[in-house]
Each structure stands twice: as structure tokens, then as C-alpha cells.
Amino acid sequence: MIRKDGTVVAGSFWLPGDNPYSMRPDGDVVRAFKKHGFTWGGDAWPMSNDYMHFSFLGE
């Protein structure tokens, strides 16, 4: 989880394209979850990005 100011709150890195465990915004996992009504933490909240989090119906 990373705040918009760049402060890392949890985790150590997010390297989509370099690290196979980093979910890409345009990747299969994110697209599949969004297709079924989930929001992705990488672009869901205004104050932080949580790249490993999904919420159903934006909650």
C-alpha cells in the first residue's frame, strides 16, 4: 500500500512487468475482477494505492 505522496505503508515494492507477483493495471487478474464488479486498490481510492486489494462493489 502506497500513499499518494509516495510513502510506503505496507509491502516493499510494486514492479509490474518486472515482478510476476505485481499485478498490472491492464493485466488479466485486474481485468477479470473488474469484469465481475470488483474495484482494484491500484486505482480505487483517492489517498492511497493498495495494489494487492480488491473490493466488491467498491466497498
N, C-alpha and C. Protein backbone atom coordinates (compact mmCIF):
# COMPACT_ATOMS: atom_id res chain seq x y z
N MET A 1 0.85 -1.17 0.00
CA MET A 1 0.00 0.00 0.00
C MET A 1 0.90 1.23 0.00
N ILE A 2 0.63 2.14 -0.90
CA ILE A 2 1.45 3.33 -1.05
C ILE A 2 0.55 4.57 -1.04
N ARG A 3 0.87 5.54 -0.21
CA ARG A 3 0.12 6.80 -0.20
C ARG A 3 0.48 7.61 -1.45
N LYS A 4 -0.38 8.53 -1.80
CA LYS A 4 -0.16 9.35 -3.00
C LYS A 4 1.14 10.15 -2.92
N ASP A 5 1.62 10.44 -1.70
CA ASP A 5 2.87 11.19 -1.56
C ASP A 5 4.10 10.29 -1.70
N GLY A 6 3.87 8.98 -1.94
CA GLY A 6 4.96 8.03 -2.14
C GLY A 6 5.36 7.25 -0.91
N THR A 7 4.77 7.54 0.25
CA THR A 7 5.07 6.83 1.49
C THR A 7 4.55 5.40 1.39
N VAL A 8 5.44 4.44 1.63
CA VAL A 8 5.05 3.03 1.62
C VAL A 8 4.51 2.67 2.99
N VAL A 9 3.23 2.24 3.03
CA VAL A 9 2.57 1.91 4.28
C VAL A 9 2.71 0.42 4.57
N ALA A 10 2.63 -0.40 3.55
CA ALA A 10 2.76 -1.85 3.70
C ALA A 10 3.37 -2.42 2.43
N GLY A 11 4.11 -3.49 2.57
CA GLY A 11 4.78 -4.08 1.42
C GLY A 11 6.10 -3.41 1.17
N SER A 12 6.80 -3.87 0.15
CA SER A 12 8.12 -3.30 -0.10
C SER A 12 8.31 -2.79 -1.53
N PHE A 13 7.51 -3.28 -2.45
CA PHE A 13 7.66 -2.81 -3.82
C PHE A 13 6.48 -3.22 -4.69
N TRP A 14 6.36 -2.55 -5.81
CA TRP A 14 5.37 -2.90 -6.83
C TRP A 14 6.07 -2.67 -8.16
N LEU A 15 6.38 -3.74 -8.85
CA LEU A 15 7.14 -3.65 -10.09
C LEU A 15 6.44 -4.43 -11.21
N PRO A 16 5.30 -3.96 -11.68
CA PRO A 16 4.62 -4.68 -12.76
C PRO A 16 5.50 -4.74 -14.00
N GLY A 17 5.52 -5.89 -14.64
CA GLY A 17 6.38 -6.09 -15.79
C GLY A 17 7.71 -6.71 -15.44
N ASP A 18 8.21 -6.41 -14.23
CA ASP A 18 9.47 -7.00 -13.76
C ASP A 18 9.23 -8.14 -12.78
N ASN A 19 8.24 -7.97 -11.92
CA ASN A 19 7.95 -8.97 -10.89
C ASN A 19 6.62 -9.64 -11.22
N PRO A 20 6.62 -10.97 -11.37
CA PRO A 20 5.38 -11.66 -11.75
C PRO A 20 4.27 -11.59 -10.70
N TYR A 21 4.58 -11.20 -9.48
CA TYR A 21 3.57 -11.09 -8.43
C TYR A 21 3.00 -9.68 -8.31
N SER A 22 3.47 -8.76 -9.11
CA SER A 22 2.94 -7.40 -9.13
C SER A 22 1.85 -7.32 -10.19
N MET A 23 0.62 -7.04 -9.76
CA MET A 23 -0.50 -7.00 -10.70
C MET A 23 -0.45 -5.76 -11.56
N ARG A 24 -0.55 -5.96 -12.86
CA ARG A 24 -0.54 -4.86 -13.81
C ARG A 24 -1.95 -4.26 -13.92
N PRO A 25 -2.05 -2.95 -14.08
CA PRO A 25 -3.37 -2.32 -14.23
C PRO A 25 -4.14 -2.87 -15.43
N ASP A 26 -3.44 -3.28 -16.47
CA ASP A 26 -4.08 -3.81 -17.67
C ASP A 26 -3.95 -5.33 -17.77
N GLY A 27 -3.56 -5.97 -16.66
CA GLY A 27 -3.32 -7.41 -16.66
C GLY A 27 -4.59 -8.24 -16.53
N ASP A 28 -4.43 -9.53 -16.76
CA ASP A 28 -5.55 -10.47 -16.72
C ASP A 28 -6.29 -10.48 -15.39
N VAL A 29 -5.56 -10.46 -14.28
CA VAL A 29 -6.19 -10.55 -12.96
C VAL A 29 -7.07 -9.33 -12.70
N VAL A 30 -6.53 -8.15 -12.93
CA VAL A 30 -7.30 -6.92 -12.69
C VAL A 30 -8.50 -6.84 -13.62
N ARG A 31 -8.33 -7.17 -14.88
CA ARG A 31 -9.45 -7.14 -15.83
C ARG A 31 -10.54 -8.13 -15.43
N ALA A 32 -10.16 -9.33 -15.01
CA ALA A 32 -11.14 -10.34 -14.63
C ALA A 32 -11.96 -9.91 -13.41
N PHE A 33 -11.29 -9.37 -12.40
CA PHE A 33 -12.02 -8.93 -11.22
C PHE A 33 -12.94 -7.76 -11.55
N LYS A 34 -12.45 -6.79 -12.33
CA LYS A 34 -13.29 -5.64 -12.70
C LYS A 34 -14.51 -6.08 -13.51
N LYS A 35 -14.33 -7.07 -14.35
CA LYS A 35 -15.44 -7.59 -15.16
C LYS A 35 -16.57 -8.09 -14.29
N HIS A 36 -16.25 -8.57 -13.10
CA HIS A 36 -17.24 -9.14 -12.20
C HIS A 36 -17.64 -8.19 -11.07
N GLY A 37 -17.41 -6.88 -11.26
CA GLY A 37 -17.91 -5.89 -10.33
C GLY A 37 -16.99 -5.48 -9.20
N PHE A 38 -15.75 -5.90 -9.23
CA PHE A 38 -14.80 -5.52 -8.18
C PHE A 38 -14.07 -4.24 -8.57
N THR A 39 -13.66 -3.49 -7.57
CA THR A 39 -12.73 -2.39 -7.82
C THR A 39 -11.35 -2.86 -7.38
N TRP A 40 -10.33 -2.30 -8.02
CA TRP A 40 -8.94 -2.68 -7.72
C TRP A 40 -8.30 -1.57 -6.90
N GLY A 41 -7.61 -1.95 -5.85
CA GLY A 41 -6.97 -0.99 -4.97
C GLY A 41 -5.90 -0.14 -5.63
N GLY A 42 -5.45 -0.52 -6.81
CA GLY A 42 -4.45 0.27 -7.52
C GLY A 42 -4.99 1.57 -8.06
N ASP A 43 -6.31 1.65 -8.21
CA ASP A 43 -6.90 2.89 -8.71
C ASP A 43 -8.25 3.22 -8.06
N ALA A 44 -8.54 2.63 -6.92
CA ALA A 44 -9.87 2.77 -6.31
C ALA A 44 -10.01 3.90 -5.30
N TRP A 45 -8.94 4.29 -4.64
CA TRP A 45 -9.06 5.24 -3.55
C TRP A 45 -8.24 6.50 -3.82
N PRO A 46 -8.74 7.65 -3.41
CA PRO A 46 -8.05 8.90 -3.71
C PRO A 46 -6.77 9.15 -2.91
N MET A 47 -6.62 8.56 -1.73
CA MET A 47 -5.47 8.87 -0.87
C MET A 47 -4.35 7.83 -0.90
N SER A 48 -4.61 6.64 -1.46
CA SER A 48 -3.57 5.61 -1.48
C SER A 48 -3.84 4.59 -2.58
N ASN A 49 -2.82 3.80 -2.86
CA ASN A 49 -2.94 2.69 -3.80
C ASN A 49 -2.56 1.41 -3.07
N ASP A 50 -3.44 0.43 -3.12
CA ASP A 50 -3.19 -0.87 -2.49
C ASP A 50 -3.28 -1.89 -3.61
N TYR A 51 -2.14 -2.19 -4.20
CA TYR A 51 -2.08 -2.97 -5.44
C TYR A 51 -2.45 -4.44 -5.31
N MET A 52 -2.62 -4.92 -4.11
CA MET A 52 -2.98 -6.33 -3.91
C MET A 52 -4.40 -6.47 -3.35
N HIS A 53 -5.20 -5.41 -3.43
CA HIS A 53 -6.51 -5.42 -2.80
C HIS A 53 -7.62 -5.25 -3.84
N PHE A 54 -8.68 -6.00 -3.66
CA PHE A 54 -9.90 -5.87 -4.46
C PHE A 54 -11.08 -5.73 -3.51
N SER A 55 -12.06 -4.92 -3.90
CA SER A 55 -13.27 -4.79 -3.11
C SER A 55 -14.47 -5.00 -4.03
N PHE A 56 -15.47 -5.71 -3.54
CA PHE A 56 -16.66 -5.94 -4.32
C PHE A 56 -17.55 -4.72 -4.24
N LEU A 57 -18.01 -4.25 -5.38
CA LEU A 57 -18.88 -3.08 -5.49
C LEU A 57 -18.27 -1.82 -4.89
N GLY A 58 -16.94 -1.74 -4.91
CA GLY A 58 -16.26 -0.53 -4.49
C GLY A 58 -16.22 -0.27 -3.00
N GLU A 59 -16.58 -1.26 -2.20
CA GLU A 59 -16.61 -1.06 -0.76
C GLU A 59 -15.28 -1.36 -0.12
